[in-house]
């Protein structure tokens, strides 16, 4: 018997984070009350992080958010 898909609310928030003594702006991807990943602007690209691990780079914010959600869906 197939499971019914649940609707999941995904939030995108901008936050300040201190890395190596510098304040940088990050975009957090949040599901429920849990932050599942972060995107850090890097020139024209975005560096993706989830669970403290680097997931590589994305060319756009939308691509980065999709990749983080895909990673979360596979591993949680």
PDB file of N, CA and C in Angstrom:
ATOM      1  N   UNK A   1       0.837  -1.167   0.000  1.00  0.00           N
ATOM      2  CA  UNK A   1       0.000   0.000   0.000  1.00  0.00           C
ATOM      3  C   UNK A   1       0.892   1.244   0.000  1.00  0.00           C
ATOM      4  N   UNK A   2       0.599   2.178  -0.868  1.00  0.00           N
ATOM      5  CA  UNK A   2       1.423   3.386  -1.006  1.00  0.00           C
ATOM      6  C   UNK A   2       1.126   4.379   0.111  1.00  0.00           C
ATOM      7  N   UNK A   3       2.184   5.061   0.539  1.00  0.00           N
ATOM      8  CA  UNK A   3       2.029   6.110   1.545  1.00  0.00           C
ATOM      9  C   UNK A   3       1.545   7.385   0.874  1.00  0.00           C
ATOM     10  N   UNK A   4       0.778   8.156   1.617  1.00  0.00           N
ATOM     11  CA  UNK A   4       0.334   9.450   1.126  1.00  0.00           C
ATOM     12  C   UNK A   4       1.426  10.479   1.421  1.00  0.00           C
ATOM     13  N   UNK A   5       1.729  11.328   0.463  1.00  0.00           N
ATOM     14  CA  UNK A   5       2.739  12.374   0.654  1.00  0.00           C
ATOM     15  C   UNK A   5       2.229  13.425   1.629  1.00  0.00           C
ATOM     16  N   UNK A   6       3.108  13.865   2.514  1.00  0.00           N
ATOM     17  CA  UNK A   6       2.778  14.919   3.464  1.00  0.00           C
ATOM     18  C   UNK A   6       3.271  16.254   2.921  1.00  0.00           C
ATOM     19  N   UNK A   7       2.518  17.312   3.217  1.00  0.00           N
ATOM     20  CA  UNK A   7       2.981  18.659   2.892  1.00  0.00           C
ATOM     21  C   UNK A   7       3.991  19.074   3.951  1.00  0.00           C
ATOM     22  N   UNK A   8       5.123  19.610   3.508  1.00  0.00           N
ATOM     23  CA  UNK A   8       6.177  20.050   4.412  1.00  0.00           C
ATOM     24  C   UNK A   8       6.446  21.521   4.145  1.00  0.00           C
ATOM     25  N   UNK A   9       6.442  22.310   5.213  1.00  0.00           N
ATOM     26  CA  UNK A   9       6.695  23.734   5.072  1.00  0.00           C
ATOM     27  C   UNK A   9       8.194  23.998   5.149  1.00  0.00           C
ATOM     28  N   UNK A  10       8.715  24.617   4.110  1.00  0.00           N
ATOM     29  CA  UNK A  10      10.137  24.956   4.036  1.00  0.00           C
ATOM     30  C   UNK A  10      10.258  26.468   4.159  1.00  0.00           C
ATOM     31  N   UNK A  11      11.140  26.922   5.060  1.00  0.00           N
ATOM     32  CA  UNK A  11      11.374  28.348   5.246  1.00  0.00           C
ATOM     33  C   UNK A  11      12.790  28.699   4.804  1.00  0.00           C
ATOM     34  N   UNK A  12      12.919  29.862   4.206  1.00  0.00           N
ATOM     35  CA  UNK A  12      14.223  30.387   3.798  1.00  0.00           C
ATOM     36  C   UNK A  12      14.435  31.674   4.588  1.00  0.00           C
ATOM     37  N   UNK A  13      15.519  31.712   5.388  1.00  0.00           N
ATOM     38  CA  UNK A  13      15.791  32.892   6.202  1.00  0.00           C
ATOM     39  C   UNK A  13      17.227  33.351   6.011  1.00  0.00           C
ATOM     40  N   UNK A  14      17.409  34.664   6.020  1.00  0.00           N
ATOM     41  CA  UNK A  14      18.757  35.224   5.988  1.00  0.00           C
ATOM     42  C   UNK A  14      19.206  35.444   7.421  1.00  0.00           C
ATOM     43  N   UNK A  15      20.473  35.166   7.693  1.00  0.00           N
ATOM     44  CA  UNK A  15      21.019  35.331   9.045  1.00  0.00           C
ATOM     45  C   UNK A  15      22.479  35.753   8.949  1.00  0.00           C
ATOM     46  N   UNK A  16      22.981  36.298  10.030  1.00  0.00           N
ATOM     47  CA  UNK A  16      24.395  36.661  10.132  1.00  0.00           C
ATOM     48  C   UNK A  16      25.118  35.542  10.877  1.00  0.00           C
ATOM     49  N   UNK A  17      26.286  35.170  10.396  1.00  0.00           N
ATOM     50  CA  UNK A  17      27.070  34.124  11.035  1.00  0.00           C
ATOM     51  C   UNK A  17      28.519  34.578  11.082  1.00  0.00           C
ATOM     52  N   UNK A  18      29.203  34.271  12.177  1.00  0.00           N
ATOM     53  CA  UNK A  18      30.595  34.659  12.303  1.00  0.00           C
ATOM     54  C   UNK A  18      31.479  33.477  11.924  1.00  0.00           C
ATOM     55  N   UNK A  19      32.315  33.690  10.900  1.00  0.00           N
ATOM     56  CA  UNK A  19      33.240  32.667  10.423  1.00  0.00           C
ATOM     57  C   UNK A  19      34.623  33.296  10.338  1.00  0.00           C
ATOM     58  N   UNK A  20      35.590  32.702  11.021  1.00  0.00           N
ATOM     59  CA  UNK A  20      36.971  33.205  11.033  1.00  0.00           C
ATOM     60  C   UNK A  20      37.043  34.681  11.413  1.00  0.00           C
ATOM     61  N   UNK A  21      36.218  35.088  12.376  1.00  0.00           N
ATOM     62  CA  UNK A  21      36.244  36.463  12.855  1.00  0.00           C
ATOM     63  C   UNK A  21      35.515  37.467  11.971  1.00  0.00           C
ATOM     64  N   UNK A  22      34.892  37.016  10.901  1.00  0.00           N
ATOM     65  CA  UNK A  22      34.154  37.904  10.005  1.00  0.00           C
ATOM     66  C   UNK A  22      32.675  37.566  10.062  1.00  0.00           C
ATOM     67  N   UNK A  23      31.836  38.593  10.054  1.00  0.00           N
ATOM     68  CA  UNK A  23      30.396  38.378   9.958  1.00  0.00           C
ATOM     69  C   UNK A  23      30.022  38.234   8.492  1.00  0.00           C
ATOM     70  N   UNK A  24      29.386  37.138   8.163  1.00  0.00           N
ATOM     71  CA  UNK A  24      28.931  36.933   6.790  1.00  0.00           C
ATOM     72  C   UNK A  24      27.438  36.649   6.804  1.00  0.00           C
ATOM     73  N   UNK A  25      26.793  36.948   5.698  1.00  0.00           N
ATOM     74  CA  UNK A  25      25.367  36.700   5.589  1.00  0.00           C
ATOM     75  C   UNK A  25      25.162  35.321   4.970  1.00  0.00           C
ATOM     76  N   UNK A  26      24.341  34.510   5.620  1.00  0.00           N
ATOM     77  CA  UNK A  26      24.040  33.169   5.118  1.00  0.00           C
ATOM     78  C   UNK A  26      22.535  33.052   4.920  1.00  0.00           C
ATOM     79  N   UNK A  27      22.151  32.146   4.045  1.00  0.00           N
ATOM     80  CA  UNK A  27      20.746  31.834   3.828  1.00  0.00           C
ATOM     81  C   UNK A  27      20.518  30.455   4.428  1.00  0.00           C
ATOM     82  N   UNK A  28      19.604  30.376   5.410  1.00  0.00           N
ATOM     83  CA  UNK A  28      19.320  29.116   6.076  1.00  0.00           C
ATOM     84  C   UNK A  28      18.061  28.490   5.492  1.00  0.00           C
ATOM     85  N   UNK A  29      18.097  27.169   5.295  1.00  0.00           N
ATOM     86  CA  UNK A  29      16.936  26.416   4.839  1.00  0.00           C
ATOM     87  C   UNK A  29      16.414  25.661   6.058  1.00  0.00           C
ATOM     88  N   UNK A  30      15.155  25.942   6.434  1.00  0.00           N
ATOM     89  CA  UNK A  30      14.584  25.410   7.666  1.00  0.00           C
ATOM     90  C   UNK A  30      13.318  24.617   7.348  1.00  0.00           C
ATOM     91  N   UNK A  31      13.241  23.417   7.927  1.00  0.00           N
ATOM     92  CA  UNK A  31      12.030  22.603   7.838  1.00  0.00           C
ATOM     93  C   UNK A  31      11.563  22.367   9.261  1.00  0.00           C
ATOM     94  N   UNK A  32      10.335  22.781   9.551  1.00  0.00           N
ATOM     95  CA  UNK A  32       9.839  22.713  10.922  1.00  0.00           C
ATOM     96  C   UNK A  32      10.635  23.679  11.773  1.00  0.00           C
ATOM     97  N   UNK A  33      11.298  23.143  12.804  1.00  0.00           N
ATOM     98  CA  UNK A  33      12.151  23.971  13.658  1.00  0.00           C
ATOM     99  C   UNK A  33      13.625  23.632  13.467  1.00  0.00           C
ATOM    100  N   UNK A  34      13.932  22.810  12.466  1.00  0.00           N
ATOM    101  CA  UNK A  34      15.297  22.326  12.262  1.00  0.00           C
ATOM    102  C   UNK A  34      15.932  22.978  11.031  1.00  0.00           C
ATOM    103  N   UNK A  35      17.128  23.524  11.216  1.00  0.00           N
ATOM    104  CA  UNK A  35      17.889  24.058  10.086  1.00  0.00           C
ATOM    105  C   UNK A  35      18.560  22.879   9.388  1.00  0.00           C
ATOM    106  N   UNK A  36      18.191  22.656   8.123  1.00  0.00           N
ATOM    107  CA  UNK A  36      18.735  21.494   7.401  1.00  0.00           C
ATOM    108  C   UNK A  36      19.931  21.844   6.540  1.00  0.00           C
ATOM    109  N   UNK A  37      20.173  23.126   6.311  1.00  0.00           N
ATOM    110  CA  UNK A  37      21.319  23.508   5.496  1.00  0.00           C
ATOM    111  C   UNK A  37      21.478  25.012   5.409  1.00  0.00           C
ATOM    112  N   UNK A  38      22.633  25.410   4.875  1.00  0.00           N
ATOM    113  CA  UNK A  38      22.945  26.829   4.714  1.00  0.00           C
ATOM    114  C   UNK A  38      23.594  27.070   3.361  1.00  0.00           C
ATOM    115  N   UNK A  39      23.329  28.231   2.820  1.00  0.00           N
ATOM    116  CA  UNK A  39      23.940  28.687   1.570  1.00  0.00           C
ATOM    117  C   UNK A  39      24.719  29.959   1.863  1.00  0.00           C
ATOM    118  N   UNK A  40      25.959  30.000   1.399  1.00  0.00           N
ATOM    119  CA  UNK A  40      26.801  31.176   1.594  1.00  0.00           C
ATOM    120  C   UNK A  40      27.151  31.741   0.222  1.00  0.00           C
ATOM    121  N   UNK A  41      26.776  33.013  -0.035  1.00  0.00           N
ATOM    122  CA  UNK A  41      27.116  33.618  -1.322  1.00  0.00           C
ATOM    123  C   UNK A  41      28.630  33.661  -1.525  1.00  0.00           C
ATOM    124  N   UNK A  42      29.068  33.280  -2.735  1.00  0.00           N
ATOM    125  CA  UNK A  42      30.492  33.247  -3.063  1.00  0.00           C
ATOM    126  C   UNK A  42      30.637  33.756  -4.494  1.00  0.00           C
ATOM    127  N   UNK A  43      30.687  35.069  -4.626  1.00  0.00           N
ATOM    128  CA  UNK A  43      30.735  35.655  -5.971  1.00  0.00           C
ATOM    129  C   UNK A  43      29.397  35.436  -6.666  1.00  0.00           C
ATOM    130  N   UNK A  44      29.413  34.765  -7.815  1.00  0.00           N
ATOM    131  CA  UNK A  44      28.187  34.487  -8.550  1.00  0.00           C
ATOM    132  C   UNK A  44      27.536  33.179  -8.101  1.00  0.00           C
ATOM    133  N   UNK A  45      28.245  32.362  -7.326  1.00  0.00           N
ATOM    134  CA  UNK A  45      27.743  31.065  -6.896  1.00  0.00           C
ATOM    135  C   UNK A  45      27.361  31.082  -5.421  1.00  0.00           C
ATOM    136  N   UNK A  46      26.813  29.967  -4.952  1.00  0.00           N
ATOM    137  CA  UNK A  46      26.474  29.774  -3.548  1.00  0.00           C
ATOM    138  C   UNK A  46      27.120  28.484  -3.075  1.00  0.00           C
ATOM    139  N   UNK A  47      27.855  28.550  -1.957  1.00  0.00           N
ATOM    140  CA  UNK A  47      28.425  27.355  -1.352  1.00  0.00           C
ATOM    141  C   UNK A  47      27.339  26.732  -0.472  1.00  0.00           C
ATOM    142  N   UNK A  48      27.155  25.409  -0.581  1.00  0.00           N
ATOM    143  CA  UNK A  48      26.090  24.720   0.148  1.00  0.00           C
ATOM    144  C   UNK A  48      26.677  23.882   1.276  1.00  0.00           C
ATOM    145  N   UNK A  49      26.034  23.944   2.448  1.00  0.00           N
ATOM    146  CA  UNK A  49      26.457  23.162   3.604  1.00  0.00           C
ATOM    147  C   UNK A  49      25.238  22.528   4.251  1.00  0.00           C
ATOM    148  N   UNK A  50      25.378  21.264   4.660  1.00  0.00           N
ATOM    149  CA  UNK A  50      24.316  20.565   5.381  1.00  0.00           C
ATOM    150  C   UNK A  50      24.958  19.646   6.405  1.00  0.00           C
ATOM    151  N   UNK A  51      24.551  19.782   7.646  1.00  0.00           N
ATOM    152  CA  UNK A  51      25.100  18.940   8.701  1.00  0.00           C
ATOM    153  C   UNK A  51      26.594  19.118   8.905  1.00  0.00           C
ATOM    154  N   UNK A  52      27.106  20.310   8.627  1.00  0.00           N
ATOM    155  CA  UNK A  52      28.528  20.573   8.791  1.00  0.00           C
ATOM    156  C   UNK A  52      29.388  20.105   7.626  1.00  0.00           C
ATOM    157  N   UNK A  53      28.771  19.501   6.617  1.00  0.00           N
ATOM    158  CA  UNK A  53      29.495  19.015   5.438  1.00  0.00           C
ATOM    159  C   UNK A  53      29.212  19.893   4.234  1.00  0.00           C
ATOM    160  N   UNK A  54      30.215  20.070   3.402  1.00  0.00           N
ATOM    161  CA  UNK A  54      30.037  20.833   2.172  1.00  0.00           C
ATOM    162  C   UNK A  54      29.362  19.972   1.118  1.00  0.00           C
ATOM    163  N   UNK A  55      28.370  20.548   0.445  1.00  0.00           N
ATOM    164  CA  UNK A  55      27.684  19.850  -0.640  1.00  0.00           C
ATOM    165  C   UNK A  55      28.113  20.364  -2.005  1.00  0.00           C
ATOM    166  N   UNK A  56      29.065  21.293  -2.023  1.00  0.00           N
ATOM    167  CA  UNK A  56      29.539  21.842  -3.287  1.00  0.00           C
ATOM    168  C   UNK A  56      28.999  23.238  -3.513  1.00  0.00           C
ATOM    169  N   UNK A  57      28.881  23.596  -4.783  1.00  0.00           N
ATOM    170  CA  UNK A  57      28.437  24.942  -5.155  1.00  0.00           C
ATOM    171  C   UNK A  57      27.209  24.853  -6.048  1.00  0.00           C
ATOM    172  N   UNK A  58      26.388  25.884  -5.977  1.00  0.00           N
ATOM    173  CA  UNK A  58      25.203  25.992  -6.830  1.00  0.00           C
ATOM    174  C   UNK A  58      25.276  27.313  -7.585  1.00  0.00           C
ATOM    175  N   UNK A  59      24.743  27.334  -8.788  1.00  0.00           N
ATOM    176  CA  UNK A  59      24.796  28.543  -9.607  1.00  0.00           C
ATOM    177  C   UNK A  59      23.748  29.570  -9.203  1.00  0.00           C
ATOM    178  N   UNK A  60      22.656  29.112  -8.558  1.00  0.00           N
ATOM    179  CA  UNK A  60      21.620  30.051  -8.126  1.00  0.00           C
ATOM    180  C   UNK A  60      21.102  29.650  -6.752  1.00  0.00           C
ATOM    181  N   UNK A  61      20.421  30.561  -6.114  1.00  0.00           N
ATOM    182  CA  UNK A  61      19.842  30.295  -4.802  1.00  0.00           C
ATOM    183  C   UNK A  61      18.817  29.168  -4.891  1.00  0.00           C
ATOM    184  N   UNK A  62      17.978  29.194  -5.918  1.00  0.00           N
ATOM    185  CA  UNK A  62      16.959  28.153  -6.085  1.00  0.00           C
ATOM    186  C   UNK A  62      17.582  26.770  -6.254  1.00  0.00           C
ATOM    187  N   UNK A  63      18.632  26.686  -7.058  1.00  0.00           N
ATOM    188  CA  UNK A  63      19.318  25.397  -7.245  1.00  0.00           C
ATOM    189  C   UNK A  63      19.924  24.898  -5.935  1.00  0.00           C
ATOM    190  N   UNK A  64      20.480  25.802  -5.161  1.00  0.00           N
ATOM    191  CA  UNK A  64      21.072  25.440  -3.882  1.00  0.00           C
ATOM    192  C   UNK A  64      20.038  24.938  -2.891  1.00  0.00           C
ATOM    193  N   UNK A  65      18.900  25.626  -2.817  1.00  0.00           N
ATOM    194  CA  UNK A  65      17.823  25.197  -1.914  1.00  0.00           C
ATOM    195  C   UNK A  65      17.327  23.818  -2.317  1.00  0.00           C
ATOM    196  N   UNK A  66      17.122  23.591  -3.601  1.00  0.00           N
ATOM    197  CA  UNK A  66      16.675  22.277  -4.082  1.00  0.00           C
ATOM    198  C   UNK A  66      17.671  21.186  -3.730  1.00  0.00           C
ATOM    199  N   UNK A  67      18.961  21.449  -3.890  1.00  0.00           N
ATOM    200  CA  UNK A  67      19.983  20.449  -3.584  1.00  0.00           C
ATOM    201  C   UNK A  67      20.010  20.126  -2.091  1.00  0.00           C
ATOM    202  N   UNK A  68      19.847  21.124  -1.248  1.00  0.00           N
ATOM    203  CA  UNK A  68      19.829  20.891   0.199  1.00  0.00           C
ATOM    204  C   UNK A  68      18.600  20.068   0.587  1.00  0.00           C
ATOM    205  N   UNK A  69      17.459  20.382   0.010  1.00  0.00           N
ATOM    206  CA  UNK A  69      16.246  19.607   0.311  1.00  0.00           C
ATOM    207  C   UNK A  69      16.388  18.178  -0.186  1.00  0.00           C
ATOM    208  N   UNK A  70      16.959  17.989  -1.367  1.00  0.00           N
ATOM    209  CA  UNK A  70      17.193  16.634  -1.892  1.00  0.00           C
ATOM    210  C   UNK A  70      18.111  15.844  -0.962  1.00  0.00           C
ATOM    211  N   UNK A  71      19.183  16.479  -0.496  1.00  0.00           N
ATOM    212  CA  UNK A  71      20.118  15.829   0.426  1.00  0.00           C
ATOM    213  C   UNK A  71      19.418  15.452   1.729  1.00  0.00           C
ATOM    214  N   UNK A  72      18.612  16.350   2.263  1.00  0.00           N
ATOM    215  CA  UNK A  72      17.871  16.093   3.504  1.00  0.00           C
ATOM    216  C   UNK A  72      16.901  14.932   3.305  1.00  0.00           C
ATOM    217  N   UNK A  73      16.218  14.918   2.170  1.00  0.00           N
ATOM    218  CA  UNK A  73      15.235  13.868   1.881  1.00  0.00           C
ATOM    219  C   UNK A  73      15.895  12.495   1.786  1.00  0.00           C
ATOM    220  N   UNK A  74      17.115  12.431   1.266  1.00  0.00           N
ATOM    221  CA  UNK A  74      17.811  11.155   1.140  1.00  0.00           C
ATOM    222  C   UNK A  74      18.359  10.644   2.457  1.00  0.00           C
ATOM    223  N   UNK A  75      18.792  11.558   3.335  1.00  0.00           N
ATOM    224  CA  UNK A  75      19.509  11.140   4.536  1.00  0.00           C
ATOM    225  C   UNK A  75      18.711  11.203   5.823  1.00  0.00           C
ATOM    226  N   UNK A  76      17.521  11.783   5.819  1.00  0.00           N
ATOM    227  CA  UNK A  76      16.700  11.830   7.038  1.00  0.00           C
ATOM    228  C   UNK A  76      15.381  11.139   6.832  1.00  0.00           C
TER     229      UNK A  76
END
